[in-house]
C-alpha atoms as a PDB file:
ATOM      1  CA  MET A   1     166.834  76.810 162.720  1.00  0.00           C
ATOM      2  CA  PRO A   2     165.860  74.076 165.682  1.00  0.00           C
ATOM      3  CA  THR A   3     162.438  73.269 166.226  1.00  0.00           C
ATOM      4  CA  THR A   4     160.975  70.742 168.915  1.00  0.00           C
ATOM      5  CA  THR A   5     158.509  68.140 169.186  1.00  0.00           C
ATOM      6  CA  ALA A   6     158.123  67.308 172.341  1.00  0.00           C
ATOM      7  CA  GLU A   7     161.249  66.066 173.570  1.00  0.00           C
ATOM      8  CA  LEU A   8     162.720  65.757 169.893  1.00  0.00           C
ATOM      9  CA  LYS A   9     164.789  68.524 168.751  1.00  0.00           C
ATOM     10  CA  ILE A  10     164.586  68.955 165.116  1.00  0.00           C
ATOM     11  CA  SER A  11     166.795  70.976 162.898  1.00  0.00           C
ATOM     12  CA  TRP A  12     167.404  71.236 158.833  1.00  0.00           C
ATOM     13  CA  GLU A  13     170.976  70.785 157.631  1.00  0.00           C
ATOM     14  CA  LYS A  14     172.167  70.074 154.259  1.00  0.00           C
ATOM     15  CA  LEU A  15     173.299  66.307 153.599  1.00  0.00           C
ATOM     16  CA  PRO A  16     177.064  66.171 153.696  1.00  0.00           C
ATOM     17  CA  ASP A  17     178.924  65.832 150.300  1.00  0.00           C
ATOM     18  CA  ASN A  18     180.917  62.718 151.505  1.00  0.00           C
ATOM     19  CA  PHE A  19     177.229  61.142 153.139  1.00  0.00           C
ATOM     20  CA  ILE A  20     176.787  57.692 151.097  1.00  0.00           C
ATOM     21  CA  LEU A  21     172.986  57.239 150.519  1.00  0.00           C
ATOM     22  CA  ASP A  22     171.640  53.803 151.104  1.00  0.00           C
ATOM     23  CA  GLU A  23     170.689  52.434 147.356  1.00  0.00           C
ATOM     24  CA  GLU A  24     167.411  50.356 148.444  1.00  0.00           C
ATOM     25  CA  PRO A  25     166.109  48.499 145.721  1.00  0.00           C
ATOM     26  CA  VAL A  26     162.599  49.650 144.472  1.00  0.00           C
ATOM     27  CA  GLU A  27     159.989  47.104 145.658  1.00  0.00           C
ATOM     28  CA  ASN A  28     158.205  46.488 142.503  1.00  0.00           C
ATOM     29  CA  ILE A  29     158.150  48.099 139.376  1.00  0.00           C
ATOM     30  CA  ASP A  30     154.615  49.600 139.333  1.00  0.00           C
ATOM     31  CA  GLN A  31     156.266  52.324 141.662  1.00  0.00           C
ATOM     32  CA  PRO A  32     158.239  54.327 139.154  1.00  0.00           C
ATOM     33  CA  ILE A  33     155.669  53.813 136.377  1.00  0.00           C
ATOM     34  CA  LEU A  34     153.186  55.294 138.742  1.00  0.00           C
ATOM     35  CA  ALA A  35     155.560  58.110 139.759  1.00  0.00           C
ATOM     36  CA  ALA A  36     156.474  59.206 136.715  1.00  0.00           C
ATOM     37  CA  ALA A  37     152.780  59.162 135.387  1.00  0.00           C
ATOM     38  CA  LEU A  38     151.915  61.571 138.153  1.00  0.00           C
ATOM     39  CA  ARG A  39     154.585  63.901 136.969  1.00  0.00           C
ATOM     40  CA  GLU A  40     154.131  63.513 133.361  1.00  0.00           C
ATOM     41  CA  SER A  41     150.273  65.067 133.258  1.00  0.00           C
ATOM     42  CA  LEU A  42     151.788  67.868 135.376  1.00  0.00           C
ATOM     43  CA  GLU A  43     154.689  68.574 132.841  1.00  0.00           C
ATOM     44  CA  ILE A  44     152.303  68.788 129.670  1.00  0.00           C
ATOM     45  CA  ALA A  45     149.778  70.849 131.346  1.00  0.00           C
ATOM     46  CA  GLN A  46     152.701  72.980 131.921  1.00  0.00           C
ATOM     47  CA  LEU A  47     152.314  73.180 135.586  1.00  0.00           C
ATOM     48  CA  ILE A  48     155.869  72.550 136.528  1.00  0.00           C
ATOM     49  CA  SER A  49     157.977  75.998 137.406  1.00  0.00           C
ATOM     50  CA  GLU A  50     161.739  76.115 138.054  1.00  0.00           C
ATOM     51  CA  ASN A  51     161.002  76.574 141.734  1.00  0.00           C
ATOM     52  CA  ILE A  52     158.961  73.318 141.986  1.00  0.00           C
ATOM     53  CA  LEU A  53     160.532  70.135 143.044  1.00  0.00           C
ATOM     54  CA  ILE A  54     159.045  66.801 142.191  1.00  0.00           C
ATOM     55  CA  ALA A  55     160.713  63.617 142.888  1.00  0.00           C
ATOM     56  CA  SER A  56     160.270  60.084 143.830  1.00  0.00           C
ATOM     57  CA  ASN A  57     162.654  58.154 146.031  1.00  0.00           C
ATOM     58  CA  MET A  58     164.774  61.007 146.646  1.00  0.00           C
ATOM     59  CA  GLY A  59     165.911  61.417 150.290  1.00  0.00           C
ATOM     60  CA  ILE A  60     164.038  63.942 152.655  1.00  0.00           C
ATOM     61  CA  CYS A  61     166.397  65.274 155.505  1.00  0.00           C
ATOM     62  CA  ALA A  62     166.118  66.285 159.023  1.00  0.00           C
ATOM     63  CA  THR A  63     168.352  66.216 161.688  1.00  0.00           C
ATOM     64  CA  LEU A  64     166.592  64.425 164.950  1.00  0.00           C
ATOM     65  CA  ASN A  65     168.438  65.379 168.262  1.00  0.00           C
ATOM     66  CA  ASP A  66     171.946  65.607 166.357  1.00  0.00           C
ATOM     67  CA  LYS A  67     171.104  62.473 164.192  1.00  0.00           C
ATOM     68  CA  LEU A  68     170.390  62.384 160.388  1.00  0.00           C
ATOM     69  CA  ALA A  69     167.298  61.213 159.492  1.00  0.00           C
ATOM     70  CA  ILE A  70     165.960  60.264 155.723  1.00  0.00           C
ATOM     71  CA  LYS A  71     163.081  59.450 154.129  1.00  0.00           C
ATOM     72  CA  ALA A  72     162.739  58.946 150.594  1.00  0.00           C
ATOM     73  CA  PRO A  73     158.792  59.055 149.789  1.00  0.00           C
ATOM     74  CA  ASP A  74     157.557  57.220 146.678  1.00  0.00           C
ATOM     75  CA  TRP A  75     156.745  60.682 145.207  1.00  0.00           C
ATOM     76  CA  PHE A  76     156.286  64.293 146.615  1.00  0.00           C
ATOM     77  CA  TYR A  77     155.812  67.614 145.485  1.00  0.00           C
ATOM     78  CA  ALA A  78     157.417  70.896 146.949  1.00  0.00           C
ATOM     79  CA  ARG A  79     157.130  74.659 145.991  1.00  0.00           C
ATOM     80  CA  ASN A  80     159.709  77.707 146.215  1.00  0.00           C
ATOM     81  CA  VAL A  81     162.787  75.387 146.120  1.00  0.00           C
ATOM     82  CA  GLU A  82     166.054  77.182 145.454  1.00  0.00           C
ATOM     83  CA  PRO A  83     167.578  76.156 142.265  1.00  0.00           C
ATOM     84  CA  LEU A  84     171.142  74.431 142.307  1.00  0.00           C
ATOM     85  CA  ALA A  85     174.288  75.901 141.026  1.00  0.00           C
ATOM     86  CA  ASN A  86     175.552  74.832 137.932  1.00  0.00           C
ATOM     87  CA  GLN A  87     176.591  71.239 137.244  1.00  0.00           C
ATOM     88  CA  GLU A  88     175.257  70.543 140.388  1.00  0.00           C
ATOM     89  CA  VAL A  89     173.020  67.369 141.210  1.00  0.00           C
ATOM     90  CA  ARG A  90     170.651  67.107 143.822  1.00  0.00           C
ATOM     91  CA  ARG A  91     171.163  64.202 145.787  1.00  0.00           C
ATOM     92  CA  SER A  92     168.462  65.062 148.664  1.00  0.00           C
ATOM     93  CA  TYR A  93     166.071  67.557 149.777  1.00  0.00           C
ATOM     94  CA  THR A  94     166.350  69.684 153.431  1.00  0.00           C
ATOM     95  CA  PRO A  95     163.297  71.657 153.621  1.00  0.00           C
ATOM     96  CA  ASN A  96     163.589  75.043 155.580  1.00  0.00           C
ATOM     97  CA  LEU A  97     166.844  75.233 153.912  1.00  0.00           C
ATOM     98  CA  GLU A  98     166.481  74.783 150.329  1.00  0.00           C
ATOM     99  CA  GLY A  99     162.544  75.348 150.017  1.00  0.00           C
ATOM    100  CA  GLU A 100     159.242  75.012 151.441  1.00  0.00           C
ATOM    101  CA  ILE A 101     157.790  71.624 153.282  1.00  0.00           C
ATOM    102  CA  PRO A 102     156.738  69.482 150.413  1.00  0.00           C
ATOM    103  CA  THR A 103     152.873  69.872 149.859  1.00  0.00           C
ATOM    104  CA  ILE A 104     152.065  66.396 149.432  1.00  0.00           C
ATOM    105  CA  VAL A 105     154.177  63.166 150.113  1.00  0.00           C
ATOM    106  CA  MET A 106     152.814  59.771 148.659  1.00  0.00           C
ATOM    107  CA  GLU A 107     153.614  55.943 149.394  1.00  0.00           C
ATOM    108  CA  PHE A 108     152.456  53.424 147.299  1.00  0.00           C
ATOM    109  CA  LEU A 109     152.070  49.768 149.110  1.00  0.00           C
ATOM    110  CA  SER A 110     153.780  47.055 148.102  1.00  0.00           C
ATOM    111  CA  ALA A 111     152.896  43.354 148.817  1.00  0.00           C
ATOM    112  CA  THR A 112     156.025  43.308 151.417  1.00  0.00           C
ATOM    113  CA  GLU A 113     155.785  44.590 154.847  1.00  0.00           C
ATOM    114  CA  SER A 114     156.268  48.415 155.239  1.00  0.00           C
ATOM    115  CA  ASP A 115     156.436  51.214 157.572  1.00  0.00           C
ATOM    116  CA  GLU A 116     153.928  53.727 156.006  1.00  0.00           C
ATOM    117  CA  TYR A 117     151.493  53.687 159.098  1.00  0.00           C
ATOM    118  CA  SER A 118     154.845  53.341 161.378  1.00  0.00           C
ATOM    119  CA  SER A 119     154.390  55.932 164.436  1.00  0.00           C
ATOM    120  CA  LYS A 120     157.739  54.668 165.734  1.00  0.00           C
ATOM    121  CA  GLN A 121     159.248  57.901 167.615  1.00  0.00           C
ATOM    122  CA  SER A 122     162.665  55.914 168.456  1.00  0.00           C
ATOM    123  CA  TYR A 123     165.599  56.277 166.145  1.00  0.00           C
ATOM    124  CA  PRO A 124     165.256  55.908 163.127  1.00  0.00           C
ATOM    125  CA  PRO A 125     161.392  56.972 162.981  1.00  0.00           C
ATOM    126  CA  GLY A 126     158.714  55.674 161.672  1.00  0.00           C
ATOM    127  CA  LYS A 127     157.600  57.173 158.069  1.00  0.00           C
ATOM    128  CA  TRP A 128     153.993  58.450 159.540  1.00  0.00           C
ATOM    129  CA  PHE A 129     155.903  59.809 162.453  1.00  0.00           C
ATOM    130  CA  PHE A 130     158.419  61.722 160.296  1.00  0.00           C
ATOM    131  CA  TYR A 131     155.652  62.964 157.941  1.00  0.00           C
ATOM    132  CA  GLU A 132     153.575  63.869 160.506  1.00  0.00           C
ATOM    133  CA  GLN A 133     155.427  65.154 163.489  1.00  0.00           C
ATOM    134  CA  VAL A 134     158.719  65.937 161.815  1.00  0.00           C
ATOM    135  CA  LEU A 135     158.154  67.160 158.228  1.00  0.00           C
ATOM    136  CA  ARG A 136     154.839  68.272 158.882  1.00  0.00           C
ATOM    137  CA  ALA A 137     153.641  67.759 155.193  1.00  0.00           C
ATOM    138  CA  PRO A 138     150.005  69.066 154.828  1.00  0.00           C
ATOM    139  CA  PHE A 139     149.165  66.191 152.822  1.00  0.00           C
ATOM    140  CA  TYR A 140     149.946  62.508 153.150  1.00  0.00           C
ATOM    141  CA  ALA A 141     148.613  59.955 150.178  1.00  0.00           C
ATOM    142  CA  ILE A 142     149.146  56.138 150.896  1.00  0.00           C
ATOM    143  CA  PHE A 143     147.857  54.310 147.522  1.00  0.00           C
ATOM    144  CA  GLU A 144     147.507  50.711 147.217  1.00  0.00           C
ATOM    145  CA  PRO A 145     147.562  50.159 143.025  1.00  0.00           C
ATOM    146  CA  VAL A 146     146.580  46.147 143.112  1.00  0.00           C
ATOM    147  CA  GLU A 147     142.699  47.198 144.576  1.00  0.00           C
ATOM    148  CA  GLY A 148     143.048  50.973 143.493  1.00  0.00           C
ATOM    149  CA  LEU A 149     142.886  52.241 147.490  1.00  0.00           C
ATOM    150  CA  LEU A 150     143.377  55.706 148.247  1.00  0.00           C
ATOM    151  CA  GLU A 151     143.698  57.151 151.722  1.00  0.00           C
ATOM    152  CA  LEU A 152     144.636  60.937 151.766  1.00  0.00           C
ATOM    153  CA  TYR A 153     145.597  62.298 154.799  1.00  0.00           C
ATOM    154  CA  GLN A 154     145.619  66.021 155.905  1.00  0.00           C
ATOM    155  CA  LEU A 155     147.363  67.789 158.974  1.00  0.00           C
ATOM    156  CA  ASN A 156     144.513  69.123 161.138  1.00  0.00           C
ATOM    157  CA  SER A 157     144.757  72.065 163.447  1.00  0.00           C
ATOM    158  CA  SER A 158     145.858  69.481 166.304  1.00  0.00           C
ATOM    159  CA  GLY A 159     149.112  68.739 164.011  1.00  0.00           C
ATOM    160  CA  ARG A 160     147.996  65.155 163.622  1.00  0.00           C
ATOM    161  CA  TYR A 161     146.913  63.258 160.248  1.00  0.00           C
ATOM    162  CA  GLU A 162     143.041  62.989 159.716  1.00  0.00           C
ATOM    163  CA  LEU A 163     141.352  60.500 156.962  1.00  0.00           C
ATOM    164  CA  GLN A 164     140.053  63.053 154.304  1.00  0.00           C
ATOM    165  CA  PRO A 165     136.877  61.798 152.620  1.00  0.00           C
ATOM    166  CA  PRO A 166     136.402  62.306 148.750  1.00  0.00           C
ATOM    167  CA  ASN A 167     134.140  64.494 147.193  1.00  0.00           C
ATOM    168  CA  ALA A 168     130.834  63.587 144.993  1.00  0.00           C
ATOM    169  CA  ASN A 169     133.350  62.625 142.280  1.00  0.00           C
ATOM    170  CA  ASN A 170     135.769  60.382 144.545  1.00  0.00           C
ATOM    171  CA  HIS A 171     138.370  62.963 144.009  1.00  0.00           C
ATOM    172  CA  HIS A 172     140.650  65.229 146.809  1.00  0.00           C
ATOM    173  CA  TRP A 173     141.228  68.753 146.333  1.00  0.00           C
ATOM    174  CA  ILE A 174     145.098  68.945 147.083  1.00  0.00           C
ATOM    175  CA  ALA A 175     145.215  72.786 147.851  1.00  0.00           C
ATOM    176  CA  GLY A 176     149.110  73.833 147.335  1.00  0.00           C
ATOM    177  CA  VAL A 177     149.074  71.945 144.072  1.00  0.00           C
ATOM    178  CA  GLY A 178     145.284  73.385 143.023  1.00  0.00           C
ATOM    179  CA  LEU A 179     144.242  70.048 141.682  1.00  0.00           C
ATOM    180  CA  PHE A 180     142.257  67.269 142.484  1.00  0.00           C
ATOM    181  CA  LEU A 181     144.025  63.760 143.155  1.00  0.00           C
ATOM    182  CA  GLY A 182     141.705  60.603 142.377  1.00  0.00           C
ATOM    183  CA  VAL A 183     142.155  56.735 141.006  1.00  0.00           C
ATOM    184  CA  TRP A 184     141.451  56.054 137.475  1.00  0.00           C
ATOM    185  CA  GLN A 185     141.483  52.713 135.825  1.00  0.00           C
ATOM    186  CA  GLY A 186     143.031  52.010 132.527  1.00  0.00           C
ATOM    187  CA  THR A 187     145.940  51.117 130.394  1.00  0.00           C
ATOM    188  CA  LYS A 188     149.352  52.862 130.153  1.00  0.00           C
ATOM    189  CA  ALA A 189     153.110  51.666 129.321  1.00  0.00           C
ATOM    190  CA  ASN A 190     151.497  48.143 129.242  1.00  0.00           C
ATOM    191  CA  ARG A 191     150.599  48.053 132.580  1.00  0.00           C
ATOM    192  CA  THR A 192     146.372  47.746 133.190  1.00  0.00           C
ATOM    193  CA  GLY A 193     145.223  48.703 136.342  1.00  0.00           C
ATOM    194  CA  TYR A 194     144.562  51.501 138.864  1.00  0.00           C
ATOM    195  CA  TRP A 195     146.494  55.132 138.454  1.00  0.00           C
ATOM    196  CA  LEU A 196     146.616  57.865 140.441  1.00  0.00           C
ATOM    197  CA  ARG A 197     145.470  60.947 138.263  1.00  0.00           C
ATOM    198  CA  TRP A 198     145.232  64.700 138.534  1.00  0.00           C
ATOM    199  CA  TRP A 199     141.888  66.777 137.642  1.00  0.00           C
ATOM    200  CA  ASP A 200     141.516  70.777 137.369  1.00  0.00           C
ATOM    201  CA  GLU A 201     138.949  72.424 138.985  1.00  0.00           C
ATOM    202  CA  ASN A 202     136.453  72.111 136.062  1.00  0.00           C
ATOM    203  CA  GLY A 203     136.748  68.424 136.379  1.00  0.00           C
ATOM    204  CA  GLU A 204     139.160  67.741 133.391  1.00  0.00           C
ATOM    205  CA  MET A 205     141.564  65.100 133.686  1.00  0.00           C
ATOM    206  CA  LEU A 206     145.091  65.884 133.081  1.00  0.00           C
ATOM    207  CA  LEU A 207     146.219  64.208 130.140  1.00  0.00           C
ATOM    208  CA  TRP A 208     149.354  61.858 129.463  1.00  0.00           C
ATOM    209  CA  GLY A 209     151.309  62.092 126.412  1.00  0.00           C
ATOM    210  CA  THR A 210     149.777  59.237 124.628  1.00  0.00           C
ATOM    211  CA  GLU A 211     146.277  60.681 125.188  1.00  0.00           C
ATOM    212  CA  SER A 212     147.013  63.891 124.181  1.00  0.00           C
ATOM    213  CA  ILE A 213     148.256  63.026 120.886  1.00  0.00           C
ATOM    214  CA  GLU A 214     145.297  61.070 120.398  1.00  0.00           C
ATOM    215  CA  LYS A 215     143.159  63.997 121.552  1.00  0.00           C
ATOM    216  CA  GLU A 216     144.799  66.354 119.170  1.00  0.00           C
ATOM    217  CA  ARG A 217     144.433  63.498 116.483  1.00  0.00           C
ATOM    218  CA  GLN A 218     140.425  63.345 117.024  1.00  0.00           C
ATOM    219  CA  GLU A 219     140.120  66.956 116.776  1.00  0.00           C
ATOM    220  CA  LYS A 220     141.739  66.804 113.296  1.00  0.00           C
ATOM    221  CA  ASP A 221     139.559  63.982 112.117  1.00  0.00           C
ATOM    222  CA  MET A 222     136.611  65.959 113.503  1.00  0.00           C
ATOM    223  CA  ILE A 223     137.599  69.053 111.420  1.00  0.00           C
ATOM    224  CA  GLN A 224     138.467  66.805 108.354  1.00  0.00           C
ATOM    225  CA  GLN A 225     134.926  65.461 108.648  1.00  0.00           C
ATOM    226  CA  GLN A 226     133.355  68.552 108.897  1.00  0.00           C
ATOM    227  CA  ILE A 227     135.176  69.977 105.709  1.00  0.00           C
ATOM    228  CA  GLN A 228     134.225  66.782 103.909  1.00  0.00           C
ATOM    229  CA  GLN A 229     130.516  66.976 104.784  1.00  0.00           C
ATOM    230  CA  GLU A 230     130.212  70.794 103.883  1.00  0.00           C
ATOM    231  CA  ARG A 231     132.041  70.147 100.615  1.00  0.00           C
ATOM    232  CA  GLN A 232     129.388  67.283 100.230  1.00  0.00           C
ATOM    233  CA  ARG A 233     126.616  69.565 101.154  1.00  0.00           C
ATOM    234  CA  SER A 234     128.160  72.473  98.537  1.00  0.00           C
ATOM    235  CA  GLU A 235     128.438  69.439  95.630  1.00  0.00           C
ATOM    236  CA  ARG A 236     124.753  68.582  96.306  1.00  0.00           C
ATOM    237  CA  LEU A 237     123.413  72.394  96.466  1.00  0.00           C
ATOM    238  CA  ALA A 238     125.114  72.705  93.088  1.00  0.00           C
ATOM    239  CA  ALA A 239     123.909  69.859  91.561  1.00  0.00           C
ATOM    240  CA  GLN A 240     120.060  70.843  92.220  1.00  0.00           C
ATOM    241  CA  LEU A 241     120.577  74.440  91.200  1.00  0.00           C
ATOM    242  CA  ARG A 242     122.021  72.714  87.397  1.00  0.00           C
ATOM    243  CA  ALA A 243     119.075  70.470  87.465  1.00  0.00           C
ATOM    244  CA  ALA A 244     116.951  73.910  87.682  1.00  0.00           C
ATOM    245  CA  GLY A 245     118.860  75.258  84.877  1.00  0.00           C
ATOM    246  CA  ILE A 246     120.834  77.734  87.113  1.00  0.00           C
ATOM    247  CA  GLU A 247     124.573  77.629  87.123  1.00  0.00           C
ATOM    248  CA  PRO A 248     125.834  78.087  90.790  1.00  0.00           C
ATOM    249  CA  GLU A 249     128.354  80.894  91.330  1.00  0.00           C
ATOM    250  CA  VAL A 250     132.046  79.450  91.820  1.00  0.00           C
END
């Protein structure tokens, strides 16, 4: 169903099967790693259901004044998405036709010039204008990974993005995902630097696979240490009883 933003007619139509998508190269190798890490922790925490679509560099489609416009965020999260038919491959995503508007879209800044802040309305529109005025995604995150700077914008009652301050823990609550988003510094996949991470309502950080394995190993080691300490305590007590002429019960 068409909607209107000022003099802009917006409709949501499926990408034609014969449409050739631009195959733009990823701007730097960090982008796919950052995107994969965001998904990994959600998957390990079993927070991805069949009707949730999480994608990176997948085109989000809208038709503006009868012209197809496509933007491919570095990462996005959408709920209540219609499942694909058997053997069908999802090439793009059209909100309001295939599922809900993405709850959050993200862009990872690179060293090259980009239009993450572009409000250009003429065709093709800038990313900021597309996400804010066409897509109307509730949250737009812009992350600069070199310095670890995160800007989180939320759509306000006037339909404009407003920069949101973080909480006391420097995290942002993402309604619709049900988690906090923030910046973490450390190493993963041979990359040391700043990452975007998820935290739950209790402030517990969602773990990656290697972290989850390491946590399980530490817990097993702790249990083994407790068992060993209890065995040594029992042996000392038995020795004391024998020294007192009392045979301990087995």
